[in-house]
C-alpha atoms as a PDB file:
ATOM      1  CA  MET A   1       0.001   0.002  -0.003  1.00  0.00           C
ATOM      2  CA  LYS A   2       1.226   3.489  -0.869  1.00  0.00           C
ATOM      3  CA  THR A   3       0.556   6.286   1.597  1.00  0.00           C
ATOM      4  CA  TYR A   4       0.057   9.944   0.659  1.00  0.00           C
ATOM      5  CA  TRP A   5      -0.646  13.072   2.672  1.00  0.00           C
ATOM      6  CA  VAL A   6      -3.138  15.327   0.930  1.00  0.00           C
ATOM      7  CA  ARG A   7      -4.127  18.902   1.732  1.00  0.00           C
ATOM      8  CA  ALA A   8      -7.446  19.805   0.068  1.00  0.00           C
ATOM      9  CA  GLY A   9      -8.560  23.321   0.882  1.00  0.00           C
ATOM     10  CA  ASP A  10      -7.856  23.720   4.607  1.00  0.00           C
ATOM     11  CA  GLU A  11      -8.100  20.009   5.482  1.00  0.00           C
ATOM     12  CA  ASP A  12      -5.350  17.387   5.704  1.00  0.00           C
ATOM     13  CA  PHE A  13      -5.920  13.698   4.928  1.00  0.00           C
ATOM     14  CA  GLU A  14      -3.771  10.594   5.130  1.00  0.00           C
ATOM     15  CA  VAL A  15      -4.656   8.524   2.060  1.00  0.00           C
ATOM     16  CA  GLY A  16      -3.701   4.888   1.486  1.00  0.00           C
ATOM     17  CA  VAL A  17      -3.883   3.445  -2.031  1.00  0.00           C
ATOM     18  CA  GLU A  18      -3.664  -0.245  -2.863  1.00  0.00           C
ATOM     19  CA  GLU A  19      -3.831  -1.344  -6.507  1.00  0.00           C
ATOM     20  CA  GLY A  20      -5.831  -4.411  -7.454  1.00  0.00           C
ATOM     21  CA  ALA A  21      -7.068  -5.992 -10.680  1.00  0.00           C
ATOM     22  CA  GLY A  22      -8.708  -2.984 -12.358  1.00  0.00           C
ATOM     23  CA  THR A  23      -9.618  -1.314  -9.072  1.00  0.00           C
ATOM     24  CA  LEU A  24      -8.019   0.720  -6.329  1.00  0.00           C
ATOM     25  CA  ALA A  25      -8.692   0.280  -2.626  1.00  0.00           C
ATOM     26  CA  VAL A  26      -8.458   3.793  -1.188  1.00  0.00           C
ATOM     27  CA  SER A  27      -8.463   4.491   2.563  1.00  0.00           C
ATOM     28  CA  VAL A  28      -9.248   8.011   3.768  1.00  0.00           C
ATOM     29  CA  GLY A  29      -9.587   8.720   7.470  1.00  0.00           C
ATOM     30  CA  GLY A  30     -10.042   5.025   8.241  1.00  0.00           C
ATOM     31  CA  ALA A  31     -12.843   4.551   5.688  1.00  0.00           C
ATOM     32  CA  ARG A  32     -12.049   2.171   2.816  1.00  0.00           C
ATOM     33  CA  HIS A  33     -13.474   2.799  -0.675  1.00  0.00           C
ATOM     34  CA  MET A  34     -13.329   0.713  -3.842  1.00  0.00           C
ATOM     35  CA  VAL A  35     -12.486   2.916  -6.835  1.00  0.00           C
ATOM     36  CA  GLU A  36     -12.525   2.193 -10.566  1.00  0.00           C
ATOM     37  CA  LEU A  37     -10.778   4.795 -12.714  1.00  0.00           C
ATOM     38  CA  ALA A  38     -11.094   5.323 -16.483  1.00  0.00           C
ATOM     39  CA  GLU A  39      -9.291   8.105 -18.365  1.00  0.00           C
ATOM     40  CA  VAL A  40     -11.682   9.735 -20.845  1.00  0.00           C
ATOM     41  CA  VAL A  41      -9.181  12.197 -22.342  1.00  0.00           C
ATOM     42  CA  PRO A  42      -5.735  13.151 -20.998  1.00  0.00           C
ATOM     43  CA  GLY A  43      -6.233  14.607 -17.510  1.00  0.00           C
ATOM     44  CA  TRP A  44      -9.982  13.861 -17.373  1.00  0.00           C
ATOM     45  CA  TYR A  45     -11.378  10.730 -15.701  1.00  0.00           C
ATOM     46  CA  THR A  46     -14.573   8.947 -14.777  1.00  0.00           C
ATOM     47  CA  LEU A  47     -14.482   7.503 -11.269  1.00  0.00           C
ATOM     48  CA  LEU A  48     -16.728   4.809  -9.855  1.00  0.00           C
ATOM     49  CA  VAL A  49     -16.457   5.121  -6.059  1.00  0.00           C
ATOM     50  CA  ASP A  50     -18.390   2.535  -4.067  1.00  0.00           C
ATOM     51  CA  GLY A  51     -20.852   2.270  -6.984  1.00  0.00           C
ATOM     52  CA  LYS A  52     -21.341   6.040  -7.468  1.00  0.00           C
ATOM     53  CA  THR A  53     -20.026   7.787 -10.619  1.00  0.00           C
ATOM     54  CA  HIS A  54     -17.976  11.016 -10.482  1.00  0.00           C
ATOM     55  CA  ASP A  55     -16.150  13.162 -13.058  1.00  0.00           C
ATOM     56  CA  LEU A  56     -12.581  14.149 -12.186  1.00  0.00           C
ATOM     57  CA  GLY A  57     -10.256  16.549 -13.966  1.00  0.00           C
ATOM     58  CA  VAL A  58      -6.643  16.815 -12.837  1.00  0.00           C
ATOM     59  CA  TRP A  59      -4.197  19.457 -13.971  1.00  0.00           C
ATOM     60  CA  ASP A  60      -0.986  21.078 -12.841  1.00  0.00           C
ATOM     61  CA  HIS A  61      -0.128  24.687 -13.604  1.00  0.00           C
ATOM     62  CA  ALA A  62       2.691  26.792 -12.212  1.00  0.00           C
ATOM     63  CA  GLY A  63       3.306  24.410  -9.331  1.00  0.00           C
ATOM     64  CA  THR A  64      -0.355  24.123  -8.332  1.00  0.00           C
ATOM     65  CA  ARG A  65      -2.370  20.922  -8.783  1.00  0.00           C
ATOM     66  CA  THR A  66      -6.112  21.392  -9.098  1.00  0.00           C
ATOM     67  CA  LEU A  67      -8.792  18.723  -9.045  1.00  0.00           C
ATOM     68  CA  MET A  68     -12.146  19.419 -10.666  1.00  0.00           C
ATOM     69  CA  LEU A  69     -14.488  16.923  -8.981  1.00  0.00           C
ATOM     70  CA  ASP A  70     -18.051  16.926 -10.324  1.00  0.00           C
ATOM     71  CA  GLY A  71     -17.605  20.496 -11.580  1.00  0.00           C
ATOM     72  CA  ARG A  72     -16.125  21.912  -8.378  1.00  0.00           C
ATOM     73  CA  PRO A  73     -12.476  23.003  -8.301  1.00  0.00           C
ATOM     74  CA  CYS A  74     -10.208  22.136  -5.414  1.00  0.00           C
ATOM     75  CA  PRO A  75      -6.527  23.051  -5.205  1.00  0.00           C
ATOM     76  CA  VAL A  76      -4.605  20.192  -3.599  1.00  0.00           C
ATOM     77  CA  GLU A  77      -1.117  19.394  -2.381  1.00  0.00           C
ATOM     78  CA  VAL A  78      -0.019  15.752  -2.433  1.00  0.00           C
ATOM     79  CA  ARG A  79       3.055  14.511  -0.551  1.00  0.00           C
ATOM     80  CA  ARG A  80       4.683  11.113  -0.214  1.00  0.00           C
ATOM     81  CA  THR A  81       6.089  12.069   3.202  1.00  0.00           C
ATOM     82  CA  ARG A  82       4.268  13.367   6.250  1.00  0.00           C
ATOM     83  CA  PRO A  83       4.317  17.192   6.189  1.00  0.00           C
ATOM     84  CA  PRO A  84       6.082  19.001   9.018  1.00  0.00           C
ATOM     85  CA  SER A  85       3.893  20.112  11.894  1.00  0.00           C
ATOM     86  CA  GLY A  86       4.084  22.796  14.504  1.00  0.00           C
ATOM     87  CA  PRO A  87       4.384  26.581  14.381  1.00  0.00           C
ATOM     88  CA  GLY A  88       5.215  27.968  10.973  1.00  0.00           C
ATOM     89  CA  HIS A  89       4.333  24.718   9.191  1.00  0.00           C
ATOM     90  CA  SER A  90       0.571  24.931   8.776  1.00  0.00           C
ATOM     91  CA  GLY A  91       0.728  24.625   4.995  1.00  0.00           C
ATOM     92  CA  ARG A  92      -2.169  27.054   4.813  1.00  0.00           C
ATOM     93  CA  GLY A  93      -2.546  29.834   2.346  1.00  0.00           C
ATOM     94  CA  HIS A  94      -4.414  30.327  -0.890  1.00  0.00           C
ATOM     95  CA  ARG A  95      -2.503  30.214  -4.107  1.00  0.00           C
ATOM     96  CA  ARG A  96      -3.405  33.013  -6.450  1.00  0.00           C
ATOM     97  CA  GLY A  97      -2.902  33.073 -10.143  1.00  0.00           C
ATOM     98  CA  GLY A  98      -4.099  31.496 -13.317  1.00  0.00           C
ATOM     99  CA  VAL A  99      -7.103  29.303 -13.966  1.00  0.00           C
ATOM    100  CA  VAL A 100      -6.488  26.921 -16.850  1.00  0.00           C
ATOM    101  CA  ALA A 101      -8.549  24.803 -19.231  1.00  0.00           C
ATOM    102  CA  PRO A 102      -8.718  21.255 -17.873  1.00  0.00           C
ATOM    103  CA  MET A 103      -8.849  19.754 -21.386  1.00  0.00           C
ATOM    104  CA  PRO A 104      -8.883  20.814 -25.022  1.00  0.00           C
ATOM    105  CA  GLY A 105     -12.178  22.224 -26.284  1.00  0.00           C
ATOM    106  CA  LEU A 106     -14.137  25.252 -27.412  1.00  0.00           C
ATOM    107  CA  LEU A 107     -14.858  28.272 -25.200  1.00  0.00           C
ATOM    108  CA  VAL A 108     -18.649  28.631 -25.367  1.00  0.00           C
ATOM    109  CA  ALA A 109     -19.272  31.427 -22.846  1.00  0.00           C
ATOM    110  CA  LEU A 110     -17.366  33.825 -20.628  1.00  0.00           C
ATOM    111  CA  HIS A 111     -19.128  34.754 -17.368  1.00  0.00           C
ATOM    112  CA  VAL A 112     -16.611  37.259 -15.938  1.00  0.00           C
ATOM    113  CA  ALA A 113     -14.828  40.448 -16.931  1.00  0.00           C
ATOM    114  CA  GLU A 114     -11.597  42.047 -15.791  1.00  0.00           C
ATOM    115  CA  GLY A 115     -12.044  43.744 -12.403  1.00  0.00           C
ATOM    116  CA  ALA A 116     -14.955  41.501 -11.370  1.00  0.00           C
ATOM    117  CA  GLN A 117     -15.058  40.159  -7.815  1.00  0.00           C
ATOM    118  CA  VAL A 118     -15.538  36.348  -7.766  1.00  0.00           C
ATOM    119  CA  GLY A 119     -16.194  33.805  -5.049  1.00  0.00           C
ATOM    120  CA  MET A 120     -14.800  30.289  -4.788  1.00  0.00           C
ATOM    121  CA  GLY A 121     -16.864  27.943  -6.957  1.00  0.00           C
ATOM    122  CA  GLN A 122     -18.358  30.721  -9.068  1.00  0.00           C
ATOM    123  CA  PRO A 123     -18.604  29.828 -12.798  1.00  0.00           C
ATOM    124  CA  LEU A 124     -15.970  31.638 -14.866  1.00  0.00           C
ATOM    125  CA  VAL A 125     -16.375  30.100 -18.320  1.00  0.00           C
ATOM    126  CA  ILE A 126     -18.267  27.352 -20.078  1.00  0.00           C
ATOM    127  CA  MET A 127     -16.284  25.170 -22.412  1.00  0.00           C
ATOM    128  CA  GLU A 128     -17.327  22.340 -24.690  1.00  0.00           C
ATOM    129  CA  ALA A 129     -15.342  19.148 -25.158  1.00  0.00           C
ATOM    130  CA  MET A 130     -16.473  15.860 -26.676  1.00  0.00           C
ATOM    131  CA  LYS A 131     -20.012  17.281 -27.244  1.00  0.00           C
ATOM    132  CA  MET A 132     -20.362  17.986 -23.508  1.00  0.00           C
ATOM    133  CA  GLN A 133     -20.357  21.374 -21.821  1.00  0.00           C
ATOM    134  CA  MET A 134     -18.669  22.010 -18.502  1.00  0.00           C
ATOM    135  CA  GLU A 135     -18.245  25.009 -16.256  1.00  0.00           C
ATOM    136  CA  VAL A 136     -14.791  26.012 -15.095  1.00  0.00           C
ATOM    137  CA  ARG A 137     -15.212  27.555 -11.657  1.00  0.00           C
ATOM    138  CA  ALA A 138     -13.113  29.885  -9.517  1.00  0.00           C
ATOM    139  CA  PRO A 139     -10.719  27.887  -7.281  1.00  0.00           C
ATOM    140  CA  HIS A 140     -10.754  30.684  -4.650  1.00  0.00           C
ATOM    141  CA  ASP A 141     -12.169  34.132  -3.902  1.00  0.00           C
ATOM    142  CA  GLY A 142     -10.523  37.042  -5.651  1.00  0.00           C
ATOM    143  CA  VAL A 143     -10.610  39.662  -8.376  1.00  0.00           C
ATOM    144  CA  ILE A 144     -10.327  38.875 -12.084  1.00  0.00           C
ATOM    145  CA  ARG A 145      -7.121  40.694 -13.100  1.00  0.00           C
ATOM    146  CA  ARG A 146      -6.950  39.444 -16.685  1.00  0.00           C
ATOM    147  CA  VAL A 147      -9.134  37.517 -19.108  1.00  0.00           C
ATOM    148  CA  HIS A 148      -6.943  35.629 -21.587  1.00  0.00           C
ATOM    149  CA  VAL A 149      -9.619  34.075 -23.859  1.00  0.00           C
ATOM    150  CA  ALA A 150     -12.773  34.953 -25.823  1.00  0.00           C
ATOM    151  CA  PRO A 151     -15.941  33.020 -26.692  1.00  0.00           C
ATOM    152  CA  GLY A 152     -15.551  30.899 -29.821  1.00  0.00           C
ATOM    153  CA  GLN A 153     -11.842  30.336 -29.177  1.00  0.00           C
ATOM    154  CA  GLU A 154     -10.341  26.832 -29.441  1.00  0.00           C
ATOM    155  CA  LEU A 155      -8.586  25.902 -26.181  1.00  0.00           C
ATOM    156  CA  THR A 156      -5.740  23.538 -25.398  1.00  0.00           C
ATOM    157  CA  ALA A 157      -5.400  21.588 -22.153  1.00  0.00           C
ATOM    158  CA  GLY A 158      -3.649  23.773 -19.582  1.00  0.00           C
ATOM    159  CA  GLN A 159      -4.266  27.005 -21.525  1.00  0.00           C
ATOM    160  CA  LEU A 160      -4.564  30.062 -19.270  1.00  0.00           C
ATOM    161  CA  LEU A 161      -8.194  31.268 -19.130  1.00  0.00           C
ATOM    162  CA  VAL A 162      -8.212  33.993 -16.470  1.00  0.00           C
ATOM    163  CA  THR A 163      -5.909  35.355 -13.788  1.00  0.00           C
ATOM    164  CA  ILE A 164      -7.389  35.779 -10.307  1.00  0.00           C
ATOM    165  CA  GLU A 165      -5.680  37.680  -7.480  1.00  0.00           C
END
């Protein structure tokens, strides 16, 4: 079994992963889950967790890993070693910066403008990929400093959409 320490938002989790024949046994906080994972396109997956289906996008940009689980963004940090604890080692703090396209596709709609105040989880853009539309949401509260795309534009995976500070 491989062990990881994961910080998602302001919460820390010890996660154990054991690979089996086509499935993963994943332990989080003492609860064990059976997970089947299928990659739909690079960086985008369908998960079957204990019989329930979820969509998962995973991308790294400028040192930040973001998971898009069922349309909701969550910046995460994953470590193979236990993080330091004690004063000055909380690991807290929001990372500001760019929001990127999780996969290639077409930008269908832009819901924000430069200077707009946004809240975590607020829809920023709608993109279309594989005949499906998905919202890309704000990973944290902030102000839109720059919009880098326009409706109708073809997008590549990891392409910068907006900058939030």
